[in-house]
Amino acid sequence: MFDDETAVAWRAMPYRAPVVAANGSEIGTAESLLGDEEEDIFHGIVVKRRPGGHALEIPAVRIKKITTNHVVTDLSEADVAALPPYREEHWFHIGWGGLFRKHPEWDETSRT
Protein backbone atom coordinates (compact mmCIF):
# COMPACT_ATOMS: atom_id res chain seq x y z
CA MET A 1 0.00 0.00 0.00
CA PHE A 2 1.31 3.44 -0.98
CA ASP A 3 4.33 1.77 -2.60
CA ASP A 4 4.79 4.72 -4.97
CA GLU A 5 5.36 7.11 -2.02
CA THR A 6 8.82 7.84 -0.62
CA ALA A 7 9.45 6.33 2.81
CA VAL A 8 10.86 8.71 5.45
CA ALA A 9 12.33 8.38 8.93
CA TRP A 10 10.06 8.84 11.93
CA ARG A 11 11.48 12.30 12.64
CA ALA A 12 10.49 13.42 9.12
CA MET A 13 6.85 12.36 9.40
CA PRO A 14 4.68 15.06 7.82
CA TYR A 15 2.56 17.08 10.22
CA ARG A 16 -1.09 16.05 10.09
CA ALA A 17 -0.39 13.28 7.61
CA PRO A 18 -3.34 10.93 7.12
CA VAL A 19 -2.95 7.76 9.20
CA VAL A 20 -4.42 4.66 7.58
CA ALA A 21 -5.47 1.21 8.80
CA ALA A 22 -4.28 -2.03 7.20
CA ASN A 23 -7.17 -1.93 4.71
CA GLY A 24 -6.32 1.65 3.62
CA SER A 25 -9.20 3.34 5.46
CA GLU A 26 -8.29 6.59 7.19
CA ILE A 27 -7.98 6.44 10.97
CA GLY A 28 -7.25 10.14 11.50
CA THR A 29 -4.35 12.59 11.25
CA ALA A 30 -0.90 12.45 12.83
CA GLU A 31 -0.74 15.19 15.46
CA SER A 32 2.43 14.37 17.41
CA LEU A 33 5.49 12.17 17.39
CA LEU A 34 6.25 10.15 20.50
CA GLY A 35 9.84 9.24 21.12
CA ASP A 36 13.22 10.10 22.53
CA GLU A 37 15.14 12.25 20.08
CA GLU A 38 18.48 11.98 21.90
CA GLU A 39 18.35 8.18 21.92
CA ASP A 40 16.64 7.99 18.49
CA ILE A 41 13.89 5.80 19.91
CA PHE A 42 10.49 5.99 18.23
CA HIS A 43 7.62 5.16 20.59
CA GLY A 44 4.67 5.93 18.30
CA ILE A 45 2.33 8.75 17.32
CA VAL A 46 -0.71 10.61 18.56
CA VAL A 47 -3.59 10.45 16.08
CA LYS A 48 -6.56 12.76 16.11
CA ARG A 49 -9.77 11.20 14.91
CA ARG A 50 -12.01 13.34 12.64
CA PRO A 51 -12.45 17.01 13.61
CA GLY A 52 -13.49 17.22 17.21
CA GLY A 53 -12.58 13.56 17.75
CA HIS A 54 -10.48 12.06 20.49
CA ALA A 55 -6.70 11.79 20.36
CA LEU A 56 -5.44 8.20 20.33
CA GLU A 57 -1.97 6.76 20.80
CA ILE A 58 -0.58 4.28 18.25
CA PRO A 59 2.54 2.43 19.40
CA ALA A 60 5.52 2.28 17.01
CA VAL A 61 5.23 -1.49 16.65
CA ARG A 62 1.86 -1.01 14.87
CA ILE A 63 3.26 1.49 12.34
CA LYS A 64 4.51 -0.27 9.23
CA LYS A 65 5.59 2.65 7.06
CA ILE A 66 5.88 6.42 7.17
CA THR A 67 5.91 8.15 3.80
CA THR A 68 5.98 11.73 2.58
CA ASN A 69 2.14 11.62 2.49
CA HIS A 70 0.83 8.91 4.86
CA VAL A 71 1.41 6.87 7.97
CA VAL A 72 0.54 3.23 7.29
CA THR A 73 -0.39 0.92 10.17
CA ASP A 74 -1.24 -2.76 10.48
CA LEU A 75 -4.37 -1.97 12.50
CA SER A 76 -7.76 -3.53 11.78
CA GLU A 77 -11.00 -1.65 12.48
CA ALA A 78 -11.32 -3.60 15.76
CA ASP A 79 -7.75 -2.65 16.71
CA VAL A 80 -8.52 1.03 16.06
CA ALA A 81 -11.57 0.85 18.32
CA ALA A 82 -9.40 -0.62 21.09
CA LEU A 83 -6.61 1.99 20.88
CA PRO A 84 -5.85 3.72 24.17
CA PRO A 85 -6.62 7.41 24.46
CA TYR A 86 -3.64 9.73 24.37
CA ARG A 87 -2.35 10.48 27.86
CA GLU A 88 0.32 13.06 28.41
CA GLU A 89 3.13 11.80 30.63
CA HIS A 90 6.47 13.57 30.47
CA TRP A 91 6.64 15.25 27.08
CA PHE A 92 9.09 17.59 25.38
CA HIS A 93 7.83 19.85 22.56
CA ILE A 94 9.84 19.84 19.33
CA GLY A 95 9.54 20.99 15.72
CA TRP A 96 6.13 21.09 14.12
CA GLY A 97 4.36 20.12 17.28
CA GLY A 98 5.86 16.72 17.90
CA LEU A 99 6.22 15.59 21.45
CA PHE A 100 8.99 13.45 22.80
CA ARG A 101 8.23 11.33 25.84
CA LYS A 102 10.68 10.35 28.50
CA HIS A 103 9.72 7.42 30.65
CA PRO A 104 8.47 8.64 34.04
CA GLU A 105 11.32 6.89 35.85
CA TRP A 106 13.88 8.88 33.82
CA ASP A 107 14.87 12.32 34.90
CA GLU A 108 17.05 15.02 33.42
CA THR A 109 19.89 14.19 35.84
CA SER A 110 20.17 10.60 34.55
CA ARG A 111 21.56 11.76 31.21
CA THR A 112 25.27 11.41 30.58
C-alpha atoms as a PDB file:
ATOM      1  CA  MET A   1       0.000   0.000   0.000  1.00  0.00           C
ATOM      2  CA  PHE A   2       1.312   3.440  -0.984  1.00  0.00           C
ATOM      3  CA  ASP A   3       4.331   1.766  -2.595  1.00  0.00           C
ATOM      4  CA  ASP A   4       4.789   4.719  -4.965  1.00  0.00           C
ATOM      5  CA  GLU A   5       5.364   7.111  -2.017  1.00  0.00           C
ATOM      6  CA  THR A   6       8.824   7.837  -0.620  1.00  0.00           C
ATOM      7  CA  ALA A   7       9.452   6.331   2.812  1.00  0.00           C
ATOM      8  CA  VAL A   8      10.863   8.709   5.446  1.00  0.00           C
ATOM      9  CA  ALA A   9      12.326   8.376   8.931  1.00  0.00           C
ATOM     10  CA  TRP A  10      10.058   8.845  11.927  1.00  0.00           C
ATOM     11  CA  ARG A  11      11.484  12.303  12.635  1.00  0.00           C
ATOM     12  CA  ALA A  12      10.492  13.416   9.123  1.00  0.00           C
ATOM     13  CA  MET A  13       6.847  12.355   9.405  1.00  0.00           C
ATOM     14  CA  PRO A  14       4.682  15.065   7.819  1.00  0.00           C
ATOM     15  CA  TYR A  15       2.562  17.083  10.223  1.00  0.00           C
ATOM     16  CA  ARG A  16      -1.088  16.049  10.092  1.00  0.00           C
ATOM     17  CA  ALA A  17      -0.391  13.281   7.611  1.00  0.00           C
ATOM     18  CA  PRO A  18      -3.335  10.930   7.115  1.00  0.00           C
ATOM     19  CA  VAL A  19      -2.948   7.761   9.198  1.00  0.00           C
ATOM     20  CA  VAL A  20      -4.416   4.658   7.584  1.00  0.00           C
ATOM     21  CA  ALA A  21      -5.469   1.211   8.797  1.00  0.00           C
ATOM     22  CA  ALA A  22      -4.277  -2.030   7.198  1.00  0.00           C
ATOM     23  CA  ASN A  23      -7.165  -1.931   4.712  1.00  0.00           C
ATOM     24  CA  GLY A  24      -6.322   1.647   3.623  1.00  0.00           C
ATOM     25  CA  SER A  25      -9.201   3.343   5.461  1.00  0.00           C
ATOM     26  CA  GLU A  26      -8.293   6.591   7.185  1.00  0.00           C
ATOM     27  CA  ILE A  27      -7.979   6.443  10.973  1.00  0.00           C
ATOM     28  CA  GLY A  28      -7.245  10.140  11.501  1.00  0.00           C
ATOM     29  CA  THR A  29      -4.349  12.594  11.249  1.00  0.00           C
ATOM     30  CA  ALA A  30      -0.903  12.451  12.830  1.00  0.00           C
ATOM     31  CA  GLU A  31      -0.737  15.189  15.455  1.00  0.00           C
ATOM     32  CA  SER A  32       2.426  14.371  17.411  1.00  0.00           C
ATOM     33  CA  LEU A  33       5.491  12.169  17.389  1.00  0.00           C
ATOM     34  CA  LEU A  34       6.253  10.146  20.502  1.00  0.00           C
ATOM     35  CA  GLY A  35       9.845   9.237  21.119  1.00  0.00           C
ATOM     36  CA  ASP A  36      13.225  10.104  22.533  1.00  0.00           C
ATOM     37  CA  GLU A  37      15.144  12.255  20.085  1.00  0.00           C
ATOM     38  CA  GLU A  38      18.481  11.983  21.898  1.00  0.00           C
ATOM     39  CA  GLU A  39      18.353   8.183  21.923  1.00  0.00           C
ATOM     40  CA  ASP A  40      16.641   7.990  18.492  1.00  0.00           C
ATOM     41  CA  ILE A  41      13.891   5.805  19.910  1.00  0.00           C
ATOM     42  CA  PHE A  42      10.490   5.995  18.230  1.00  0.00           C
ATOM     43  CA  HIS A  43       7.616   5.164  20.593  1.00  0.00           C
ATOM     44  CA  GLY A  44       4.669   5.932  18.295  1.00  0.00           C
ATOM     45  CA  ILE A  45       2.327   8.746  17.323  1.00  0.00           C
ATOM     46  CA  VAL A  46      -0.713  10.611  18.557  1.00  0.00           C
ATOM     47  CA  VAL A  47      -3.588  10.451  16.076  1.00  0.00           C
ATOM     48  CA  LYS A  48      -6.559  12.758  16.109  1.00  0.00           C
ATOM     49  CA  ARG A  49      -9.768  11.204  14.906  1.00  0.00           C
ATOM     50  CA  ARG A  50     -12.006  13.336  12.644  1.00  0.00           C
ATOM     51  CA  PRO A  51     -12.449  17.006  13.611  1.00  0.00           C
ATOM     52  CA  GLY A  52     -13.491  17.215  17.214  1.00  0.00           C
ATOM     53  CA  GLY A  53     -12.583  13.559  17.749  1.00  0.00           C
ATOM     54  CA  HIS A  54     -10.476  12.065  20.485  1.00  0.00           C
ATOM     55  CA  ALA A  55      -6.702  11.787  20.363  1.00  0.00           C
ATOM     56  CA  LEU A  56      -5.435   8.199  20.332  1.00  0.00           C
ATOM     57  CA  GLU A  57      -1.973   6.763  20.796  1.00  0.00           C
ATOM     58  CA  ILE A  58      -0.584   4.284  18.254  1.00  0.00           C
ATOM     59  CA  PRO A  59       2.545   2.428  19.399  1.00  0.00           C
ATOM     60  CA  ALA A  60       5.518   2.283  17.013  1.00  0.00           C
ATOM     61  CA  VAL A  61       5.230  -1.493  16.648  1.00  0.00           C
ATOM     62  CA  ARG A  62       1.863  -1.011  14.870  1.00  0.00           C
ATOM     63  CA  ILE A  63       3.262   1.492  12.336  1.00  0.00           C
ATOM     64  CA  LYS A  64       4.514  -0.268   9.231  1.00  0.00           C
ATOM     65  CA  LYS A  65       5.586   2.655   7.059  1.00  0.00           C
ATOM     66  CA  ILE A  66       5.876   6.420   7.172  1.00  0.00           C
ATOM     67  CA  THR A  67       5.909   8.151   3.800  1.00  0.00           C
ATOM     68  CA  THR A  68       5.978  11.726   2.583  1.00  0.00           C
ATOM     69  CA  ASN A  69       2.145  11.619   2.488  1.00  0.00           C
ATOM     70  CA  HIS A  70       0.831   8.914   4.860  1.00  0.00           C
ATOM     71  CA  VAL A  71       1.412   6.865   7.971  1.00  0.00           C
ATOM     72  CA  VAL A  72       0.544   3.228   7.287  1.00  0.00           C
ATOM     73  CA  THR A  73      -0.392   0.923  10.166  1.00  0.00           C
ATOM     74  CA  ASP A  74      -1.243  -2.764  10.482  1.00  0.00           C
ATOM     75  CA  LEU A  75      -4.374  -1.969  12.501  1.00  0.00           C
ATOM     76  CA  SER A  76      -7.765  -3.525  11.779  1.00  0.00           C
ATOM     77  CA  GLU A  77     -11.002  -1.654  12.476  1.00  0.00           C
ATOM     78  CA  ALA A  78     -11.320  -3.596  15.764  1.00  0.00           C
ATOM     79  CA  ASP A  79      -7.752  -2.645  16.707  1.00  0.00           C
ATOM     80  CA  VAL A  80      -8.515   1.032  16.064  1.00  0.00           C
ATOM     81  CA  ALA A  81     -11.574   0.848  18.322  1.00  0.00           C
ATOM     82  CA  ALA A  82      -9.402  -0.617  21.090  1.00  0.00           C
ATOM     83  CA  LEU A  83      -6.607   1.988  20.882  1.00  0.00           C
ATOM     84  CA  PRO A  84      -5.845   3.720  24.175  1.00  0.00           C
ATOM     85  CA  PRO A  85      -6.622   7.408  24.465  1.00  0.00           C
ATOM     86  CA  TYR A  86      -3.643   9.727  24.368  1.00  0.00           C
ATOM     87  CA  ARG A  87      -2.352  10.476  27.863  1.00  0.00           C
ATOM     88  CA  GLU A  88       0.323  13.058  28.410  1.00  0.00           C
ATOM     89  CA  GLU A  89       3.131  11.797  30.629  1.00  0.00           C
ATOM     90  CA  HIS A  90       6.468  13.569  30.474  1.00  0.00           C
ATOM     91  CA  TRP A  91       6.637  15.248  27.082  1.00  0.00           C
ATOM     92  CA  PHE A  92       9.087  17.591  25.380  1.00  0.00           C
ATOM     93  CA  HIS A  93       7.830  19.850  22.562  1.00  0.00           C
ATOM     94  CA  ILE A  94       9.837  19.839  19.326  1.00  0.00           C
ATOM     95  CA  GLY A  95       9.544  20.987  15.725  1.00  0.00           C
ATOM     96  CA  TRP A  96       6.130  21.086  14.120  1.00  0.00           C
ATOM     97  CA  GLY A  97       4.356  20.116  17.282  1.00  0.00           C
ATOM     98  CA  GLY A  98       5.862  16.724  17.898  1.00  0.00           C
ATOM     99  CA  LEU A  99       6.225  15.589  21.447  1.00  0.00           C
ATOM    100  CA  PHE A 100       8.993  13.445  22.799  1.00  0.00           C
ATOM    101  CA  ARG A 101       8.231  11.335  25.838  1.00  0.00           C
ATOM    102  CA  LYS A 102      10.680  10.346  28.495  1.00  0.00           C
ATOM    103  CA  HIS A 103       9.725   7.416  30.654  1.00  0.00           C
ATOM    104  CA  PRO A 104       8.470   8.639  34.043  1.00  0.00           C
ATOM    105  CA  GLU A 105      11.323   6.890  35.852  1.00  0.00           C
ATOM    106  CA  TRP A 106      13.879   8.879  33.821  1.00  0.00           C
ATOM    107  CA  ASP A 107      14.865  12.325  34.896  1.00  0.00           C
ATOM    108  CA  GLU A 108      17.050  15.018  33.416  1.00  0.00           C
ATOM    109  CA  THR A 109      19.894  14.192  35.838  1.00  0.00           C
ATOM    110  CA  SER A 110      20.170  10.600  34.553  1.00  0.00           C
ATOM    111  CA  ARG A 111      21.563  11.760  31.206  1.00  0.00           C
ATOM    112  CA  THR A 112      25.271  11.414  30.581  1.00  0.00           C
END
